[in-house]
Amino acid sequence: MNKQQLTRNQFARQPAHVVLVDFSPPFGSDTCCQVQQALQDILALAANITGPPRIPFFGLFAIGTYPEALLPLQAVRGNLSKIHSALQELRSFQREGLVGGKTAGCLGQGLQDAMAQFKRQQHLYKQLELMVVTCRPSNIVNKEVERACSVLDMDVLKKVQVVCMSQPEDLGASDLYLMEDSPSNTAASGGEGGLNCGMVDVVHLDNDGVSLHQFLKGWLGDSGTDREHLHISLPGMAGIGALTLKCDLNERILDPTHLLQPLNFVPIL
């Protein structure tokens, strides 16, 4: 096989990321600070790693009584100050009383708005990955997201992740209110909402900053899955033909030489 055919560019298929922060109860100020800090740290790291961009584009929505685009989808490199300002607005969004009340339908509208942003600039991006951060029960949010996905362009949507920052069994009085009030939940019980687009992943994380930091590090990995990184050919044995192992390689530790001022990260013995 031609060696050139096995060659591909690393980090060539990194998706654009849009995060939608669901401020519906029981989402509180502590969780807001954890989300803000985790996003700030991972995006600052991505903006300063040399080589192909690990997180090429990022957008941010706050979902309260209405969906608000705090940061339109744009390149991470060269826009770190704008990203920092947008993340700071997450706290003010909660302080200014833009959350609470009836939020049914706002999450679905936010997902559609994020997709509309992507479609307007699709010539710049390859694929879109949406992530919803919430403290509500996953079954309620999942139904809302799947209902919204039924009208989205699935050809350019790589994945939708619902990240629940609370234990699956937690269900307070405010959650019961939202469950009864949500039209998507009512539709689901009637049969129409039982859609399963196959694109929604539900992830449960402990409600702490460490868990979210670890989860977001996955954005820095190579998203290309079209070809293998390495082929290992083993000689055949009696009665058995040659064996070829097709391997994927994952970067587990960042090379300090890829960071700005690498000498600050190299231990001196």
Protein backbone atom coordinates (compact mmCIF):
# COMPACT_ATOMS: atom_id res chain seq x y z
CA MET A 1 0.00 0.00 0.00
CA ASN A 2 1.26 3.46 -0.83
CA LYS A 3 2.76 5.10 2.23
CA GLN A 4 1.26 8.44 1.23
CA GLN A 5 -2.25 6.99 1.46
CA LEU A 6 -1.73 6.24 5.15
CA THR A 7 -0.66 9.80 5.94
CA ARG A 8 -3.12 12.23 7.49
CA ASN A 9 -2.81 15.53 9.29
CA GLN A 10 -3.19 15.39 13.05
CA PHE A 11 -5.90 17.60 14.60
CA ALA A 12 -7.31 18.29 11.12
CA ARG A 13 -10.93 17.51 12.09
CA GLN A 14 -11.34 19.31 15.38
CA PRO A 15 -14.96 20.46 15.81
CA ALA A 16 -16.20 23.88 16.82
CA HIS A 17 -17.53 23.83 20.40
CA VAL A 18 -20.57 25.69 21.71
CA VAL A 19 -21.42 25.44 25.42
CA LEU A 20 -24.92 26.19 26.66
CA VAL A 21 -25.08 26.78 30.42
CA ASP A 22 -28.54 25.97 31.77
CA PHE A 23 -29.23 28.26 34.75
CA SER A 24 -32.49 26.50 35.66
CA PRO A 25 -32.70 25.50 39.37
CA PRO A 26 -30.90 23.95 41.15
CA PHE A 27 -28.00 25.56 39.22
CA GLY A 28 -26.33 27.86 41.76
CA SER A 29 -23.51 30.36 42.12
CA ASP A 30 -20.96 27.72 43.20
CA THR A 31 -21.62 25.61 40.10
CA CYS A 32 -21.46 28.75 37.95
CA CYS A 33 -17.99 29.56 39.32
CA GLN A 34 -16.81 26.00 38.69
CA VAL A 35 -18.03 26.03 35.09
CA GLN A 36 -16.49 29.44 34.47
CA GLN A 37 -13.10 28.47 35.89
CA ALA A 38 -12.94 25.11 34.09
CA LEU A 39 -13.78 26.67 30.71
CA GLN A 40 -11.37 29.52 31.29
CA ASP A 41 -8.49 27.19 32.13
CA ILE A 42 -8.98 24.77 29.21
CA LEU A 43 -9.47 27.55 26.64
CA ALA A 44 -6.42 29.46 27.89
CA LEU A 45 -4.38 26.29 27.49
CA ALA A 46 -5.78 25.62 24.01
CA ALA A 47 -5.03 29.17 22.89
CA ASN A 48 -1.36 28.84 23.86
CA ILE A 49 -0.50 25.39 22.50
CA THR A 50 1.56 25.55 19.33
CA GLY A 51 0.77 23.53 16.24
CA PRO A 52 -2.71 22.91 14.80
CA PRO A 53 -5.49 24.31 17.03
CA ARG A 54 -6.92 21.75 19.45
CA ILE A 55 -10.06 23.85 20.04
CA PRO A 56 -10.37 25.93 16.87
CA PHE A 57 -13.67 27.74 17.59
CA PHE A 58 -15.77 28.37 20.69
CA GLY A 59 -19.16 29.88 21.48
CA LEU A 60 -21.07 30.40 24.73
CA PHE A 61 -24.79 30.66 25.54
CA ALA A 62 -26.54 31.30 28.85
CA ILE A 63 -29.98 29.72 29.17
CA GLY A 64 -32.28 31.47 31.64
CA THR A 65 -35.69 32.96 30.99
CA TYR A 66 -34.41 33.30 27.42
CA PRO A 67 -31.26 32.10 25.58
CA GLU A 68 -28.52 34.73 25.39
CA ALA A 69 -25.41 34.44 23.23
CA LEU A 70 -22.61 35.63 25.50
CA LEU A 71 -19.97 34.80 22.90
CA PRO A 72 -20.74 34.26 19.21
CA LEU A 73 -18.87 31.36 17.66
CA GLN A 74 -15.31 32.51 16.88
CA ALA A 75 -11.69 31.42 16.83
CA VAL A 76 -10.08 30.68 20.20
CA ARG A 77 -6.62 31.87 19.22
CA GLY A 78 -6.37 35.65 19.18
CA ASN A 79 -9.66 36.11 21.05
CA LEU A 80 -8.75 35.04 24.57
CA SER A 81 -9.67 38.44 26.04
CA LYS A 82 -13.15 38.26 24.49
CA ILE A 83 -13.58 34.71 25.79
CA HIS A 84 -12.51 35.81 29.27
CA SER A 85 -15.04 38.67 29.24
CA ALA A 86 -17.82 36.35 28.08
CA LEU A 87 -17.04 33.86 30.86
CA GLN A 88 -17.15 36.68 33.40
CA GLU A 89 -20.65 37.50 32.16
CA LEU A 90 -21.83 34.08 33.32
CA ARG A 91 -21.75 35.32 36.91
CA SER A 92 -23.45 38.62 36.11
CA PHE A 93 -26.14 36.71 34.17
CA GLN A 94 -27.16 35.07 37.43
CA ARG A 95 -26.72 38.15 39.63
CA GLU A 96 -28.91 40.31 37.40
CA GLY A 97 -31.91 38.06 37.95
CA LEU A 98 -32.10 36.70 34.40
CA VAL A 99 -32.74 33.19 35.68
CA GLY A 100 -35.60 31.46 37.41
CA GLY A 101 -39.25 31.31 36.49
CA LYS A 102 -40.53 29.26 33.61
CA THR A 103 -37.69 28.27 31.28
CA ALA A 104 -39.51 25.59 29.25
CA GLY A 105 -38.49 25.76 25.60
CA CYS A 106 -35.50 28.08 26.17
CA LEU A 107 -32.95 25.29 25.94
CA GLY A 108 -34.33 24.07 22.62
CA GLN A 109 -34.32 27.62 21.29
CA GLY A 110 -30.72 28.05 22.45
CA LEU A 111 -29.66 24.92 20.56
CA GLN A 112 -31.36 26.22 17.42
CA ASP A 113 -29.67 29.63 17.82
CA ALA A 114 -26.27 27.95 18.20
CA MET A 115 -26.86 25.93 15.04
CA ALA A 116 -27.96 29.07 13.18
CA GLN A 117 -24.67 30.77 14.13
CA PHE A 118 -22.77 27.78 12.82
CA LYS A 119 -24.69 27.70 9.53
CA ARG A 120 -24.01 31.39 8.85
CA GLN A 121 -20.25 30.75 8.98
CA GLN A 122 -20.15 27.11 7.96
CA HIS A 123 -17.38 27.78 5.42
CA LEU A 124 -15.03 28.33 8.37
CA TYR A 125 -15.93 25.24 10.37
CA LYS A 126 -15.95 21.50 9.73
CA GLN A 127 -18.28 20.18 12.40
CA LEU A 128 -20.14 21.43 15.44
CA GLU A 129 -20.23 19.90 18.91
CA LEU A 130 -22.82 21.20 21.37
CA MET A 131 -22.54 20.79 25.14
CA VAL A 132 -25.30 21.55 27.64
CA VAL A 133 -24.19 22.04 31.25
CA THR A 134 -27.06 21.63 33.69
CA CYS A 135 -27.98 20.64 37.24
CA ARG A 136 -31.43 19.36 36.31
CA PRO A 137 -32.20 15.63 36.12
CA SER A 138 -30.75 14.12 32.96
CA ASN A 139 -33.97 12.46 31.81
CA ILE A 140 -35.78 15.81 31.62
CA VAL A 141 -32.96 17.64 29.84
CA ASN A 142 -32.32 14.73 27.50
CA LYS A 143 -35.92 14.80 26.27
CA GLU A 144 -35.72 18.54 25.62
CA VAL A 145 -32.45 18.16 23.72
CA GLU A 146 -33.66 15.24 21.61
CA ARG A 147 -36.79 17.17 20.73
CA ALA A 148 -34.66 20.12 19.59
CA CYS A 149 -32.34 17.82 17.62
CA SER A 150 -35.29 16.67 15.50
CA VAL A 151 -35.22 20.03 13.70
CA LEU A 152 -31.43 20.53 13.57
CA ASP A 153 -29.14 19.76 10.63
CA MET A 154 -27.59 16.48 11.77
CA ASP A 155 -25.15 16.36 8.84
CA VAL A 156 -22.88 19.00 10.41
CA LEU A 157 -23.58 18.14 14.04
CA LYS A 158 -20.95 15.81 15.43
CA LYS A 159 -22.34 15.35 18.91
CA VAL A 160 -24.60 16.82 21.59
CA GLN A 161 -23.47 16.26 25.17
CA VAL A 162 -25.66 16.78 28.23
CA VAL A 163 -23.33 17.25 31.19
CA CYS A 164 -25.25 16.90 34.46
CA MET A 165 -23.42 18.49 37.40
CA SER A 166 -25.49 16.65 39.99
CA GLN A 167 -26.14 13.09 41.04
CA PRO A 168 -28.69 11.23 38.85
CA GLU A 169 -30.90 10.43 41.82
CA ASP A 170 -31.12 14.05 43.01
CA LEU A 171 -34.59 15.44 42.38
CA GLY A 172 -35.66 18.41 44.47
CA ALA A 173 -38.94 20.29 44.63
CA SER A 174 -37.81 22.74 41.93
CA ASP A 175 -37.04 19.83 39.61
CA LEU A 176 -40.51 18.37 40.14
CA TYR A 177 -42.00 21.72 39.21
CA LEU A 178 -39.96 21.89 36.02
CA MET A 179 -40.87 18.30 35.14
CA GLU A 180 -44.58 19.05 35.37
CA ASP A 181 -44.25 22.39 33.59
CA SER A 182 -42.10 21.25 30.67
CA PRO A 183 -44.05 20.78 27.42
CA SER A 184 -41.32 18.54 26.04
CA ASN A 185 -41.83 16.19 28.98
CA THR A 186 -45.57 16.14 28.35
CA ALA A 187 -44.99 15.38 24.67
CA ALA A 188 -42.60 12.60 25.57
CA SER A 189 -45.21 10.89 27.68
CA GLY A 190 -47.62 11.16 24.76
CA GLY A 191 -45.27 9.35 22.39
CA GLU A 192 -44.08 12.13 20.10
CA GLY A 193 -41.22 13.15 22.37
CA GLY A 194 -39.73 9.67 22.49
CA LEU A 195 -37.32 10.64 19.73
CA ASN A 196 -33.87 9.12 19.80
CA CYS A 197 -31.57 10.81 17.31
CA GLY A 198 -28.55 8.83 18.48
CA MET A 199 -26.48 12.02 18.78
CA VAL A 200 -27.08 12.85 22.44
CA ASP A 201 -24.62 11.66 25.09
CA VAL A 202 -25.55 12.10 28.75
CA VAL A 203 -22.62 12.46 31.15
CA HIS A 204 -22.94 12.61 34.95
CA LEU A 205 -20.18 14.48 36.78
CA ASP A 206 -19.65 15.21 40.44
CA ASN A 207 -20.61 18.78 41.20
CA ASP A 208 -17.03 20.00 41.59
CA GLY A 209 -14.47 21.77 39.48
CA VAL A 210 -12.00 18.88 39.32
CA SER A 211 -14.44 16.55 37.54
CA LEU A 212 -15.33 19.18 34.96
CA HIS A 213 -11.66 20.03 34.37
CA GLN A 214 -10.88 16.39 33.67
CA PHE A 215 -13.84 16.06 31.34
CA LEU A 216 -13.00 19.16 29.28
CA LYS A 217 -9.45 17.90 28.70
CA GLY A 218 -11.01 15.58 26.13
CA TRP A 219 -11.39 18.61 23.85
CA LEU A 220 -7.60 18.70 23.46
CA GLY A 221 -7.44 15.20 21.93
CA ASP A 222 -7.39 14.46 18.21
CA SER A 223 -10.98 14.12 16.95
CA GLY A 224 -10.05 12.54 13.62
CA THR A 225 -11.23 8.92 13.40
CA ASP A 226 -11.16 8.30 9.67
CA ARG A 227 -7.82 6.43 9.58
CA GLU A 228 -5.49 4.66 11.96
CA HIS A 229 -2.38 6.36 13.27
CA LEU A 230 -0.14 3.32 13.09
CA HIS A 231 -0.02 -0.07 11.33
CA ILE A 232 2.12 -2.83 12.84
CA SER A 233 2.75 -5.81 10.55
CA LEU A 234 3.57 -9.11 12.25
CA PRO A 235 5.05 -12.07 10.33
CA GLY A 236 2.84 -15.05 9.67
CA MET A 237 3.16 -18.39 11.45
CA ALA A 238 2.50 -21.94 10.34
CA GLY A 239 -1.03 -22.04 8.99
CA ILE A 240 -1.62 -18.39 9.85
CA GLY A 241 -1.08 -15.53 7.44
CA ALA A 242 0.55 -12.21 8.23
CA LEU A 243 -1.20 -10.11 10.87
CA THR A 244 -1.62 -6.34 10.76
CA LEU A 245 -2.48 -4.39 13.91
CA LYS A 246 -4.22 -1.08 13.24
CA CYS A 247 -3.61 1.24 16.17
CA ASP A 248 -4.92 4.59 17.35
CA LEU A 249 -2.53 6.68 19.42
CA ASN A 250 -3.79 9.06 22.10
CA GLU A 251 -1.77 11.90 23.57
CA ARG A 252 -2.03 11.59 27.36
CA ILE A 253 0.54 14.16 28.46
CA LEU A 254 1.04 17.54 26.82
CA ASP A 255 4.56 18.13 25.55
CA PRO A 256 5.95 21.18 27.43
CA THR A 257 7.73 22.28 24.24
CA HIS A 258 4.31 22.97 22.69
CA LEU A 259 3.57 25.67 25.28
CA LEU A 260 4.65 29.28 25.26
CA GLN A 261 7.92 29.87 27.15
CA PRO A 262 8.59 26.11 27.40
CA LEU A 263 11.56 26.55 29.71
CA ASN A 264 9.10 27.51 32.47
CA PHE A 265 7.59 24.03 32.29
CA VAL A 266 10.72 21.89 32.06
CA PRO A 267 11.99 20.61 35.43
CA ILE A 268 15.58 21.62 36.20
CA LEU A 269 17.58 18.84 37.83
